[in-house]
C-alpha atoms as a PDB file:
ATOM      1  CA  MET A   1      17.493   4.168   5.941  1.00  0.00           C
ATOM      2  CA  LYS A   2      19.429   6.275   4.523  1.00  0.00           C
ATOM      3  CA  LYS A   3      17.285   8.814   3.949  1.00  0.00           C
ATOM      4  CA  TYR A   4      16.487   8.685   7.953  1.00  0.00           C
ATOM      5  CA  TYR A   5      20.029   9.722   8.828  1.00  0.00           C
ATOM      6  CA  LYS A   6      18.307  13.624   9.169  1.00  0.00           C
ATOM      7  CA  ASP A   7      16.022  12.355  11.859  1.00  0.00           C
ATOM      8  CA  TYR A   8      18.950  10.906  14.361  1.00  0.00           C
ATOM      9  CA  LYS A   9      21.859  11.252  16.004  1.00  0.00           C
ATOM     10  CA  ILE A  10      24.223  10.022  17.657  1.00  0.00           C
ATOM     11  CA  ILE A  11      24.710  10.440  21.243  1.00  0.00           C
ATOM     12  CA  SER A  12      28.001   9.467  23.953  1.00  0.00           C
ATOM     13  CA  LYS A  13      27.457   8.518  27.430  1.00  0.00           C
ATOM     14  CA  HIS A  14      30.171   6.834  29.870  1.00  0.00           C
ATOM     15  CA  LEU A  15      30.013   3.963  31.536  1.00  0.00           C
ATOM     16  CA  SER A  16      31.554   3.302  34.840  1.00  0.00           C
ATOM     17  CA  ASN A  17      34.187   1.786  34.770  1.00  0.00           C
ATOM     18  CA  GLY A  18      35.962   4.718  32.453  1.00  0.00           C
ATOM     19  CA  LYS A  19      34.849   3.917  28.586  1.00  0.00           C
ATOM     20  CA  SER A  20      32.148   5.950  26.479  1.00  0.00           C
ATOM     21  CA  LYS A  21      29.682   4.347  24.067  1.00  0.00           C
ATOM     22  CA  LYS A  22      26.968   5.958  21.024  1.00  0.00           C
ATOM     23  CA  GLU A  23      24.417   5.286  20.850  1.00  0.00           C
ATOM     24  CA  VAL A  24      21.873   6.606  18.563  1.00  0.00           C
ATOM     25  CA  MET A  25      18.866   9.035  19.422  1.00  0.00           C
ATOM     26  CA  TYR A  26      15.755   9.257  17.375  1.00  0.00           C
ATOM     27  CA  ASP A  27      15.680  13.262  17.052  1.00  0.00           C
ATOM     28  CA  GLY A  28      12.492  13.953  14.502  1.00  0.00           C
ATOM     29  CA  ASN A  29       9.309  13.698  14.568  1.00  0.00           C
ATOM     30  CA  TYR A  30       6.460  11.851  16.029  1.00  0.00           C
ATOM     31  CA  TYR A  31       3.249  10.784  14.437  1.00  0.00           C
ATOM     32  CA  ALA A  32       0.454   9.753  16.858  1.00  0.00           C
ATOM     33  CA  CYS A  33      -3.263   8.871  16.075  1.00  0.00           C
ATOM     34  CA  ARG A  34      -5.698  10.191  16.337  1.00  0.00           C
ATOM     35  CA  LEU A  35      -8.006   7.849  16.525  1.00  0.00           C
ATOM     36  CA  SER A  36      -9.102   5.374  19.659  1.00  0.00           C
ATOM     37  CA  GLU A  37      -7.760   2.105  20.038  1.00  0.00           C
ATOM     38  CA  THR A  38     -10.821   0.349  19.229  1.00  0.00           C
ATOM     39  CA  GLU A  39     -11.081   2.568  16.602  1.00  0.00           C
ATOM     40  CA  LEU A  40      -7.252   1.889  15.028  1.00  0.00           C
ATOM     41  CA  ARG A  41      -7.037  -1.761  15.283  1.00  0.00           C
ATOM     42  CA  LYS A  42     -10.921  -2.211  13.249  1.00  0.00           C
ATOM     43  CA  LYS A  43      -9.895   0.430  10.436  1.00  0.00           C
ATOM     44  CA  LYS A  44      -6.013  -2.126  10.956  1.00  0.00           C
ATOM     45  CA  ILE A  45      -8.079  -5.110   9.789  1.00  0.00           C
ATOM     46  CA  HIS A  46     -10.317  -4.383   6.993  1.00  0.00           C
ATOM     47  CA  CYS A  47      -7.334  -2.246   5.827  1.00  0.00           C
ATOM     48  CA  LEU A  48      -5.804  -5.990   5.148  1.00  0.00           C
ATOM     49  CA  ALA A  49      -8.867  -7.184   4.071  1.00  0.00           C
ATOM     50  CA  LEU A  50      -8.970  -5.270   1.691  1.00  0.00           C
ATOM     51  CA  ALA A  51      -5.108  -5.380   1.114  1.00  0.00           C
ATOM     52  CA  LEU A  52      -5.726  -9.316   0.976  1.00  0.00           C
ATOM     53  CA  CYS A  53      -8.683  -8.967  -1.478  1.00  0.00           C
ATOM     54  CA  SER A  54      -7.327  -6.983  -3.560  1.00  0.00           C
ATOM     55  CA  ASN A  55      -3.755  -8.797  -5.082  1.00  0.00           C
ATOM     56  CA  ALA A  56      -5.660 -12.065  -4.680  1.00  0.00           C
ATOM     57  CA  THR A  57      -8.321 -10.575  -7.405  1.00  0.00           C
ATOM     58  CA  VAL A  58      -4.968 -10.171  -9.233  1.00  0.00           C
ATOM     59  CA  LEU A  59      -3.591 -13.331  -9.075  1.00  0.00           C
ATOM     60  CA  GLY A  60      -6.615 -14.650  -9.497  1.00  0.00           C
ATOM     61  CA  VAL A  61      -7.767 -12.960 -12.383  1.00  0.00           C
ATOM     62  CA  GLY A  62      -3.715 -13.785 -14.508  1.00  0.00           C
ATOM     63  CA  LEU A  63      -5.108 -17.214 -13.955  1.00  0.00           C
ATOM     64  CA  ILE A  64      -7.934 -16.923 -16.171  1.00  0.00           C
ATOM     65  CA  ASN A  65      -5.996 -16.492 -19.104  1.00  0.00           C
ATOM     66  CA  THR A  66      -7.920 -14.457 -21.868  1.00  0.00           C
ATOM     67  CA  SER A  67      -7.344 -13.599 -25.242  1.00  0.00           C
ATOM     68  CA  GLY A  68      -7.679 -10.305 -23.942  1.00  0.00           C
ATOM     69  CA  SER A  69      -5.032  -9.942 -21.391  1.00  0.00           C
ATOM     70  CA  ARG A  70      -2.233 -11.058 -24.464  1.00  0.00           C
ATOM     71  CA  VAL A  71      -3.002  -7.628 -25.559  1.00  0.00           C
ATOM     72  CA  ILE A  72      -0.115  -5.229 -24.960  1.00  0.00           C
ATOM     73  CA  TYR A  73      -1.967  -2.553 -23.744  1.00  0.00           C
ATOM     74  CA  VAL A  74      -4.147  -4.363 -21.364  1.00  0.00           C
ATOM     75  CA  ALA A  75      -0.596  -7.048 -20.328  1.00  0.00           C
ATOM     76  CA  LEU A  76       2.258  -4.785 -19.685  1.00  0.00           C
ATOM     77  CA  PRO A  77      -0.274  -2.399 -16.828  1.00  0.00           C
ATOM     78  CA  TYR A  78      -1.392  -5.691 -15.582  1.00  0.00           C
ATOM     79  CA  VAL A  79       1.765  -7.073 -14.974  1.00  0.00           C
ATOM     80  CA  SER A  80       2.785  -3.642 -13.139  1.00  0.00           C
ATOM     81  CA  LEU A  81      -0.290  -4.501 -10.976  1.00  0.00           C
ATOM     82  CA  PHE A  82       1.353  -6.499  -8.701  1.00  0.00           C
ATOM     83  CA  ILE A  83       4.437  -3.606  -8.124  1.00  0.00           C
ATOM     84  CA  PRO A  84       1.960  -1.130  -5.965  1.00  0.00           C
ATOM     85  CA  THR A  85      -0.316  -4.468  -4.741  1.00  0.00           C
ATOM     86  CA  PHE A  86       2.427  -5.638  -3.100  1.00  0.00           C
ATOM     87  CA  PHE A  87       3.680  -3.123  -1.350  1.00  0.00           C
ATOM     88  CA  CYS A  88       0.306  -2.019  -0.643  1.00  0.00           C
ATOM     89  CA  LEU A  89       0.300  -5.580   1.569  1.00  0.00           C
ATOM     90  CA  MET A  90       3.336  -5.109   3.083  1.00  0.00           C
ATOM     91  CA  GLY A  91       2.513  -1.350   3.746  1.00  0.00           C
ATOM     92  CA  VAL A  92      -0.919  -2.706   5.341  1.00  0.00           C
ATOM     93  CA  LEU A  93       1.227  -5.238   7.417  1.00  0.00           C
ATOM     94  CA  ARG A  94       3.809  -2.356   8.432  1.00  0.00           C
ATOM     95  CA  PHE A  95       0.832  -0.451   9.558  1.00  0.00           C
ATOM     96  CA  MET A  96      -0.325  -3.373  11.340  1.00  0.00           C
ATOM     97  CA  VAL A  97       1.802  -4.149  13.900  1.00  0.00           C
ATOM     98  CA  VAL A  98       2.736  -0.737  15.143  1.00  0.00           C
ATOM     99  CA  GLY A  99       1.473   0.986  17.626  1.00  0.00           C
ATOM    100  CA  ASN A 100      -0.660   4.151  17.817  1.00  0.00           C
ATOM    101  CA  LYS A 101       2.472   7.038  17.920  1.00  0.00           C
ATOM    102  CA  LEU A 102       5.059   6.563  14.912  1.00  0.00           C
ATOM    103  CA  GLU A 103       8.395   7.435  14.541  1.00  0.00           C
ATOM    104  CA  TYR A 104       8.742   9.475  11.187  1.00  0.00           C
ATOM    105  CA  ALA A 105      10.709   5.982   8.983  1.00  0.00           C
ATOM    106  CA  THR A 106       7.545   3.343  10.372  1.00  0.00           C
ATOM    107  CA  PHE A 107       4.969   6.860   9.363  1.00  0.00           C
ATOM    108  CA  ASP A 108       6.638   6.723   5.452  1.00  0.00           C
ATOM    109  CA  LYS A 109       6.975   2.971   5.141  1.00  0.00           C
ATOM    110  CA  SER A 110       4.011   2.133   6.670  1.00  0.00           C
ATOM    111  CA  GLN A 111       1.036   4.833   5.714  1.00  0.00           C
ATOM    112  CA  ASN A 112       2.876   7.129   2.886  1.00  0.00           C
ATOM    113  CA  ARG A 113       3.229   3.889   1.697  1.00  0.00           C
ATOM    114  CA  ILE A 114      -0.136   2.820   1.449  1.00  0.00           C
ATOM    115  CA  TYR A 115      -1.143   5.109   0.125  1.00  0.00           C
ATOM    116  CA  ARG A 116       1.694   6.272  -2.891  1.00  0.00           C
ATOM    117  CA  SER A 117       0.575   2.029  -3.723  1.00  0.00           C
ATOM    118  CA  THR A 118      -3.194   2.131  -3.526  1.00  0.00           C
ATOM    119  CA  ILE A 119      -3.100   5.812  -5.649  1.00  0.00           C
ATOM    120  CA  GLY A 120      -0.432   3.195  -8.085  1.00  0.00           C
ATOM    121  CA  GLN A 121      -3.040   0.175  -8.091  1.00  0.00           C
ATOM    122  CA  ILE A 122      -6.534   3.068  -9.073  1.00  0.00           C
ATOM    123  CA  ILE A 123      -4.448   4.060 -11.996  1.00  0.00           C
ATOM    124  CA  LEU A 124      -2.869   0.845 -13.297  1.00  0.00           C
ATOM    125  CA  SER A 125      -6.189  -1.160 -12.587  1.00  0.00           C
ATOM    126  CA  SER A 126      -8.179   1.502 -14.422  1.00  0.00           C
ATOM    127  CA  VAL A 127      -6.187   1.374 -16.985  1.00  0.00           C
ATOM    128  CA  VAL A 128      -6.113  -2.709 -17.482  1.00  0.00           C
ATOM    129  CA  ALA A 129     -10.182  -2.387 -17.473  1.00  0.00           C
ATOM    130  CA  LEU A 130     -10.096   0.413 -20.012  1.00  0.00           C
ATOM    131  CA  GLY A 131      -7.795  -1.686 -22.139  1.00  0.00           C
ATOM    132  CA  ASP A 132      -9.709  -4.422 -22.041  1.00  0.00           C
ATOM    133  CA  ILE A 133     -12.775  -2.151 -22.974  1.00  0.00           C
ATOM    134  CA  CYS A 134     -10.788  -1.295 -26.106  1.00  0.00           C
ATOM    135  CA  TYR A 135      -9.975  -4.983 -26.869  1.00  0.00           C
ATOM    136  CA  LEU A 136     -14.253  -6.149 -26.311  1.00  0.00           C
ATOM    137  CA  LEU A 137     -14.964  -3.006 -28.458  1.00  0.00           C
ATOM    138  CA  LEU A 138     -12.630  -3.864 -31.741  1.00  0.00           C
ATOM    139  CA  TYR A 139     -12.366  -7.745 -31.551  1.00  0.00           C
ATOM    140  CA  GLU A 140     -15.954  -9.021 -32.471  1.00  0.00           C
ATOM    141  CA  ASN A 141     -14.307 -11.925 -33.350  1.00  0.00           C
ATOM    142  CA  ILE A 142     -13.730 -12.777 -29.810  1.00  0.00           C
ATOM    143  CA  GLU A 143     -13.056 -16.743 -28.380  1.00  0.00           C
ATOM    144  CA  ASN A 144     -14.941 -16.620 -24.898  1.00  0.00           C
ATOM    145  CA  LEU A 145     -16.391 -13.786 -24.042  1.00  0.00           C
ATOM    146  CA  LEU A 146     -17.147 -15.167 -20.123  1.00  0.00           C
ATOM    147  CA  ARG A 147     -13.447 -15.061 -20.024  1.00  0.00           C
ATOM    148  CA  GLU A 148     -12.894 -11.516 -21.010  1.00  0.00           C
ATOM    149  CA  ILE A 149     -15.430 -10.518 -19.272  1.00  0.00           C
ATOM    150  CA  VAL A 150     -14.865 -12.082 -15.276  1.00  0.00           C
ATOM    151  CA  PHE A 151     -11.209 -10.182 -16.885  1.00  0.00           C
ATOM    152  CA  LEU A 152     -12.941  -7.336 -16.418  1.00  0.00           C
ATOM    153  CA  GLY A 153     -15.426  -7.533 -13.128  1.00  0.00           C
ATOM    154  CA  GLY A 154     -12.121  -8.680 -11.657  1.00  0.00           C
ATOM    155  CA  MET A 155     -10.017  -5.442 -12.768  1.00  0.00           C
ATOM    156  CA  LEU A 156     -13.687  -2.870 -12.203  1.00  0.00           C
ATOM    157  CA  PHE A 157     -12.886  -4.704  -8.082  1.00  0.00           C
ATOM    158  CA  VAL A 158      -9.602  -4.305  -7.439  1.00  0.00           C
ATOM    159  CA  LEU A 159     -10.733  -0.899  -8.829  1.00  0.00           C
ATOM    160  CA  ILE A 160     -13.121   0.049  -5.765  1.00  0.00           C
ATOM    161  CA  ILE A 161     -11.574  -2.164  -3.879  1.00  0.00           C
ATOM    162  CA  SER A 162      -8.314   0.295  -3.932  1.00  0.00           C
ATOM    163  CA  LEU A 163     -10.822   3.651  -3.623  1.00  0.00           C
ATOM    164  CA  ARG A 164     -12.118   1.725  -0.262  1.00  0.00           C
ATOM    165  CA  LEU A 165      -8.731   1.604   0.905  1.00  0.00           C
ATOM    166  CA  LEU A 166      -8.356   4.652  -0.223  1.00  0.00           C
ATOM    167  CA  ILE A 167     -11.206   6.456   1.837  1.00  0.00           C
ATOM    168  CA  ILE A 168     -10.142   3.529   5.335  1.00  0.00           C
ATOM    169  CA  LYS A 169      -6.967   5.214   4.586  1.00  0.00           C
ATOM    170  CA  LYS A 170      -8.605   8.970   4.601  1.00  0.00           C
ATOM    171  CA  THR A 171     -10.160   8.957   8.279  1.00  0.00           C
ATOM    172  CA  ILE A 172      -7.042   7.529   9.443  1.00  0.00           C
ATOM    173  CA  ILE A 173      -5.572  11.228  10.533  1.00  0.00           C
ATOM    174  CA  TYR A 174      -2.000  11.652  12.308  1.00  0.00           C
ATOM    175  CA  GLU A 175      -1.043  14.511  14.028  1.00  0.00           C
ATOM    176  CA  VAL A 176       2.740  15.619  14.170  1.00  0.00           C
ATOM    177  CA  GLU A 177       4.150  15.405  17.782  1.00  0.00           C
ATOM    178  CA  GLU A 178       8.127  17.267  18.548  1.00  0.00           C
ATOM    179  CA  PRO A 179      10.278  15.105  19.670  1.00  0.00           C
ATOM    180  CA  GLU A 180      10.261  15.250  23.755  1.00  0.00           C
ATOM    181  CA  LEU A 181      14.354  16.377  24.211  1.00  0.00           C
ATOM    182  CA  SER A 182      16.191  15.087  27.477  1.00  0.00           C
END
């Protein structure tokens, strides 16, 4: 939590027995969602379903073992795709348990993490799909064309899921509220 240290301050409280106790108090901005509780709950469930589908698809197409997935321009972006899908799932899981009013650290680890990792998924799944299309066009003697098409379809499915998740994420709007000073 070092990068969020500016949002917190240490205050001293004097106890009745004459000792003082130091406490940490949040001093940063709060982020409140404009949506109602039921709408926000629906969006959270939708985001969770999309993140789980994305992770399952990325893992599933890796088990197909195509000859195209063994070339560097397909394999490297595919392996890199595991990172944003994992971080997206982490952000969505955190988003599922937070309330309607968030501190900046929670906002960053849920909303911003979902946004950044979804953009990463879009970029990497596009690169993998383009690499697989190039492989299909360059090599005439492909061992199992159906497997390659299923792999390509899986990457396009991940791209569509990521785009849908980004659209849903854009509809969840948070407003900045100043902290209440006491």
